[in-house]
Amino acid sequence: MTEQHGERADAAVKVMVVDDHPMWRDAVARDLAAAGFDVVATAGDGPQAVRRAQAAAPDVLVLDLNLPGLSGAQVCKELVAANPALRVLVLSASGEHADVLEAVKSGALGYLLKSAGAEELIDAVRRTAVGDPVFTPGLAGLVLGEYRRLASDPAPAAADEPKAPQLTERETEVLRLVAKGLSYKQIAERLVISHRTVQNHVQNTLGKLQLHNRVELVRYAIERGLDDA
C-alpha cells in the first residue's frame, strides 16, 4: 500500500483512534496499523479518550465528535490545551458546518468525513502528523471563510499592547501563504524550501507573536491584510 521508506517513516508516528462504535474503531485502527503507523491506544468515550491519550501520548489523535461522556470537541480542546504539539484529525459522519467550525476552534488540525476511503484516511493521518491541515473537499473553504469572519470581529482590547514583534522577510512570506490557506507542503513548493523549514518558520512566528496555534496565526495575518497582499 505504501512504499517501504514511507512505512518506516510512519512507524515513528504514534496514533490513537477514538470512536464509540467498536467495529468502526477497530477497522480504522487496523487500517492504520497495516499502513505502518504505531497505533498506541483506542477509546470509546470522551473521558476514556482523555485518560488514555494522556497516558499514551500519541502524535496524532483520530477523533470522532459524537462521543458519550464528553463530546469530541471537548476532548480535543482539553487535550490540545494540555499538549499543543498534539495533532487532531476529526473523523466524523457529520459534514454540518457548525460541527466543522467547532472542531477547528477546539484545536483540530483537520476534518475528514467517514465516507473517505482507507487510502484517503491514511494519507490524511500522514499529512496531519507533519502539521498539514487536511479537510474533506469543500470544507477547507468554509474554514478559511470563518477565519475571515473572525478577523473582521473587533479584537479584545489589550492594555498597553507592546510594539508588534519584528518578523523576518521569510517569516512574513510564510505567514502570508498560511493566511491564504496553503498547506505546509504547498508553501514549501512555492518557496522552494523544505517542509521542515516551513514548520520552523511557523513555530518561530508563533513564538514571536505569542500565539498558540494555526487558527490564531491565520486570524492575526488576516487582521493585518496579509492574505490580500
Protein backbone atom coordinates (compact mmCIF):
# COMPACT_ATOMS: atom_id res chain seq x y z
CA MET A 1 0.00 0.00 0.00
CA THR A 2 2.86 2.40 0.77
CA GLU A 3 6.48 2.48 -0.29
CA GLN A 4 8.94 0.89 2.07
CA HIS A 5 10.62 4.15 3.10
CA GLY A 6 7.16 5.63 3.77
CA GLU A 7 6.30 2.75 6.10
CA ARG A 8 9.49 3.30 8.06
CA ALA A 9 8.64 7.00 8.46
CA ASP A 10 5.05 6.18 9.51
CA ALA A 11 6.25 3.66 12.10
CA ALA A 12 7.55 6.54 14.20
CA VAL A 13 4.12 8.21 14.19
CA LYS A 14 2.04 7.23 17.23
CA VAL A 15 -1.69 7.29 16.54
CA MET A 16 -4.73 6.93 18.80
CA VAL A 17 -8.24 6.21 17.49
CA VAL A 18 -11.36 7.39 19.35
CA ASP A 19 -14.84 6.28 18.30
CA ASP A 20 -17.81 4.91 20.22
CA HIS A 21 -18.57 2.25 17.58
CA PRO A 22 -16.25 -0.71 18.31
CA MET A 23 -16.34 -2.23 14.81
CA TRP A 24 -15.57 1.10 13.14
CA ARG A 25 -12.89 1.95 15.70
CA ASP A 26 -11.20 -1.42 15.25
CA ALA A 27 -11.36 -1.19 11.46
CA VAL A 28 -9.71 2.26 11.44
CA ALA A 29 -7.05 1.11 13.89
CA ARG A 30 -6.39 -1.99 11.73
CA ASP A 31 -6.05 0.06 8.53
CA LEU A 32 -3.62 2.48 10.16
CA ALA A 33 -1.55 -0.30 11.73
CA ALA A 34 -1.40 -2.10 8.37
CA ALA A 35 -0.11 1.13 6.79
CA GLY A 36 2.78 1.16 9.29
CA PHE A 37 1.54 3.59 11.95
CA ASP A 38 2.05 2.76 15.62
CA VAL A 39 -1.50 2.59 17.00
CA VAL A 40 -0.78 3.15 20.69
CA ALA A 41 -4.35 3.28 22.05
CA THR A 42 -8.05 3.36 21.29
CA ALA A 43 -11.00 4.68 23.27
CA GLY A 44 -14.79 4.53 23.07
CA ASP A 45 -15.95 7.53 25.09
CA GLY A 46 -14.83 11.05 25.97
CA PRO A 47 -13.44 10.62 29.48
CA GLN A 48 -11.65 7.41 28.47
CA ALA A 49 -10.16 9.23 25.46
CA VAL A 50 -8.71 11.97 27.68
CA ARG A 51 -7.21 9.47 30.17
CA ARG A 52 -5.72 7.18 27.55
CA ALA A 53 -4.36 10.00 25.41
CA GLN A 54 -2.60 11.49 28.41
CA ALA A 55 -1.06 8.10 29.16
CA ALA A 56 -0.20 7.02 25.61
CA ALA A 57 0.95 10.45 24.32
CA PRO A 58 0.04 9.93 20.64
CA ASP A 59 1.35 12.22 17.92
CA VAL A 60 -1.97 12.14 16.08
CA LEU A 61 -5.45 11.67 17.54
CA VAL A 62 -8.09 10.40 15.10
CA LEU A 63 -11.25 11.58 16.82
CA ASP A 64 -14.99 11.16 16.34
CA LEU A 65 -17.14 14.07 17.53
CA ASN A 66 -20.19 12.19 18.77
CA LEU A 67 -18.91 10.56 21.96
CA PRO A 68 -20.65 9.62 25.22
CA GLY A 69 -19.49 11.28 28.43
CA LEU A 70 -17.63 14.15 26.81
CA SER A 71 -18.01 15.43 23.26
CA GLY A 72 -15.20 15.08 20.73
CA ALA A 73 -14.82 18.86 20.59
CA GLN A 74 -14.38 18.99 24.39
CA VAL A 75 -11.88 16.13 24.27
CA CYS A 76 -9.94 17.97 21.57
CA LYS A 77 -9.95 21.27 23.46
CA GLU A 78 -8.79 19.65 26.71
CA LEU A 79 -6.02 17.57 25.17
CA VAL A 80 -4.66 20.30 22.87
CA ALA A 81 -4.64 22.78 25.75
CA ALA A 82 -2.57 20.33 27.79
CA ASN A 83 -0.32 19.41 24.86
CA PRO A 84 -0.24 21.92 21.97
CA ALA A 85 2.02 19.56 19.99
CA LEU A 86 -0.83 17.03 19.69
CA ARG A 87 -2.34 16.96 16.20
CA VAL A 88 -6.03 16.11 15.99
CA LEU A 89 -7.76 14.80 12.87
CA VAL A 90 -11.53 14.65 13.29
CA LEU A 91 -13.13 11.69 11.51
CA SER A 92 -16.87 12.27 11.62
CA ALA A 93 -20.09 11.28 9.87
CA SER A 94 -21.24 14.90 10.16
CA GLY A 95 -20.49 17.44 7.48
CA GLU A 96 -22.52 20.12 9.26
CA HIS A 97 -20.78 23.48 9.13
CA ALA A 98 -21.31 24.08 12.85
CA ASP A 99 -19.58 20.78 13.70
CA VAL A 100 -16.62 21.52 11.42
CA LEU A 101 -16.11 25.01 12.83
CA GLU A 102 -16.48 23.85 16.43
CA ALA A 103 -13.84 21.17 15.84
CA VAL A 104 -11.38 23.65 14.33
CA LYS A 105 -11.97 26.19 17.11
CA SER A 106 -11.32 23.40 19.62
CA GLY A 107 -7.88 22.84 18.12
CA ALA A 108 -8.39 20.17 15.42
CA LEU A 109 -5.92 20.42 12.55
CA GLY A 110 -8.16 18.63 10.04
CA TYR A 111 -11.63 17.26 9.42
CA LEU A 112 -12.41 14.20 7.33
CA LEU A 113 -15.81 12.64 6.67
CA LYS A 114 -16.28 8.95 7.41
CA SER A 115 -17.21 8.43 3.77
CA ALA A 116 -13.48 8.73 2.99
CA GLY A 117 -11.76 5.58 1.79
CA ALA A 118 -8.92 3.84 3.62
CA GLU A 119 -6.23 5.34 1.35
CA GLU A 120 -7.62 8.85 1.88
CA LEU A 121 -7.64 8.34 5.65
CA ILE A 122 -4.07 7.02 5.69
CA ASP A 123 -2.89 9.98 3.61
CA ALA A 124 -4.79 12.37 5.91
CA VAL A 125 -3.16 10.92 9.03
CA ARG A 126 0.26 11.09 7.40
CA ARG A 127 -0.25 14.75 6.45
CA THR A 128 -1.72 15.63 9.85
CA ALA A 129 1.36 14.12 11.52
CA VAL A 130 3.62 16.64 9.76
CA GLY A 131 1.34 19.58 10.54
CA ASP A 132 -0.62 19.96 7.31
CA PRO A 133 -4.31 20.83 7.73
CA VAL A 134 -6.46 18.23 5.98
CA PHE A 135 -10.12 18.74 5.09
CA THR A 136 -12.67 16.81 3.09
CA PRO A 137 -13.06 18.74 -0.20
CA GLY A 138 -15.47 21.63 0.25
CA LEU A 139 -14.77 22.12 3.93
CA ALA A 140 -11.44 23.94 3.61
CA GLY A 141 -13.13 26.97 2.04
CA LEU A 142 -15.66 27.02 4.86
CA VAL A 143 -12.92 27.11 7.48
CA LEU A 144 -10.98 29.85 5.68
CA GLY A 145 -14.21 31.85 5.45
CA GLU A 146 -14.64 31.52 9.20
CA TYR A 147 -11.08 32.76 9.75
CA ARG A 148 -12.00 35.83 7.73
CA ARG A 149 -15.20 36.38 9.71
CA LEU A 150 -13.29 36.12 12.99
CA ALA A 151 -10.73 38.59 11.72
CA SER A 152 -13.47 41.11 10.95
CA ASP A 153 -14.76 40.93 14.55
CA PRO A 154 -13.37 43.54 16.93
CA ALA A 155 -10.39 42.14 18.80
CA PRO A 156 -10.47 42.41 22.59
CA ALA A 157 -8.67 45.49 23.81
CA ALA A 158 -5.22 44.80 25.18
CA ALA A 159 -3.83 47.04 27.91
CA ASP A 160 -0.52 48.66 26.96
CA GLU A 161 -0.17 46.50 23.85
CA PRO A 162 3.55 46.15 23.12
CA LYS A 163 5.09 47.11 19.81
CA ALA A 164 4.47 44.47 17.14
CA PRO A 165 7.33 41.94 17.05
CA GLN A 166 9.62 42.02 14.06
CA LEU A 167 9.26 39.07 11.69
CA THR A 168 11.92 38.28 9.13
CA GLU A 169 11.09 38.71 5.46
CA ARG A 170 10.84 34.92 5.05
CA GLU A 171 8.62 34.52 8.13
CA THR A 172 6.29 37.19 6.75
CA GLU A 173 6.24 35.44 3.38
CA VAL A 174 5.34 32.10 5.01
CA LEU A 175 2.70 33.79 7.17
CA ARG A 176 1.12 35.37 4.09
CA LEU A 177 0.81 31.97 2.39
CA VAL A 178 -0.58 30.34 5.55
CA ALA A 179 -3.26 33.05 5.60
CA LYS A 180 -4.15 32.22 2.01
CA GLY A 181 -4.95 28.66 3.10
CA LEU A 182 -1.94 26.88 1.60
CA SER A 183 -0.68 23.70 3.25
CA TYR A 184 2.89 23.48 4.52
CA LYS A 185 3.72 21.25 1.56
CA GLN A 186 2.33 23.79 -0.91
CA ILE A 187 4.25 26.60 0.82
CA ALA A 188 7.47 24.57 0.65
CA GLU A 189 6.97 24.00 -3.09
CA ARG A 190 6.06 27.65 -3.71
CA LEU A 191 9.13 28.99 -1.88
CA VAL A 192 11.44 26.13 -2.92
CA ILE A 193 12.34 25.26 0.66
CA SER A 194 11.92 22.10 2.71
CA HIS A 195 8.76 21.15 4.57
CA ARG A 196 10.72 21.24 7.84
CA THR A 197 11.96 24.75 7.12
CA VAL A 198 8.34 25.88 6.67
CA GLN A 199 7.44 24.27 10.01
CA ASN A 200 10.39 26.01 11.70
CA HIS A 201 9.33 29.40 10.32
CA VAL A 202 5.76 28.85 11.54
CA GLN A 203 6.95 27.80 15.01
CA ASN A 204 9.28 30.82 15.23
CA THR A 205 6.44 33.12 14.17
CA LEU A 206 4.06 31.62 16.74
CA GLY A 207 6.68 32.21 19.43
CA LYS A 208 7.37 35.80 18.41
CA LEU A 209 3.67 36.66 18.23
CA GLN A 210 2.85 34.72 21.41
CA LEU A 211 0.17 32.73 19.58
CA HIS A 212 -0.73 29.12 20.24
CA ASN A 213 -1.98 27.52 17.02
CA ARG A 214 -2.67 27.91 13.31
CA VAL A 215 -6.17 29.33 13.90
CA GLU A 216 -4.76 32.26 15.88
CA LEU A 217 -1.95 32.68 13.36
CA VAL A 218 -4.33 32.92 10.39
CA ARG A 219 -6.55 35.36 12.27
CA TYR A 220 -3.51 37.54 13.04
CA ALA A 221 -2.46 37.53 9.39
CA ILE A 222 -5.93 38.31 8.02
CA GLU A 223 -6.42 41.13 10.54
CA ARG A 224 -3.31 42.74 9.06
CA GLY A 225 -4.37 42.17 5.45
CA LEU A 226 -1.56 39.73 4.70
CA ASP A 227 -3.91 37.35 2.89
CA ASP A 228 -4.63 40.06 0.30
CA ALA A 229 -1.02 41.09 -0.13
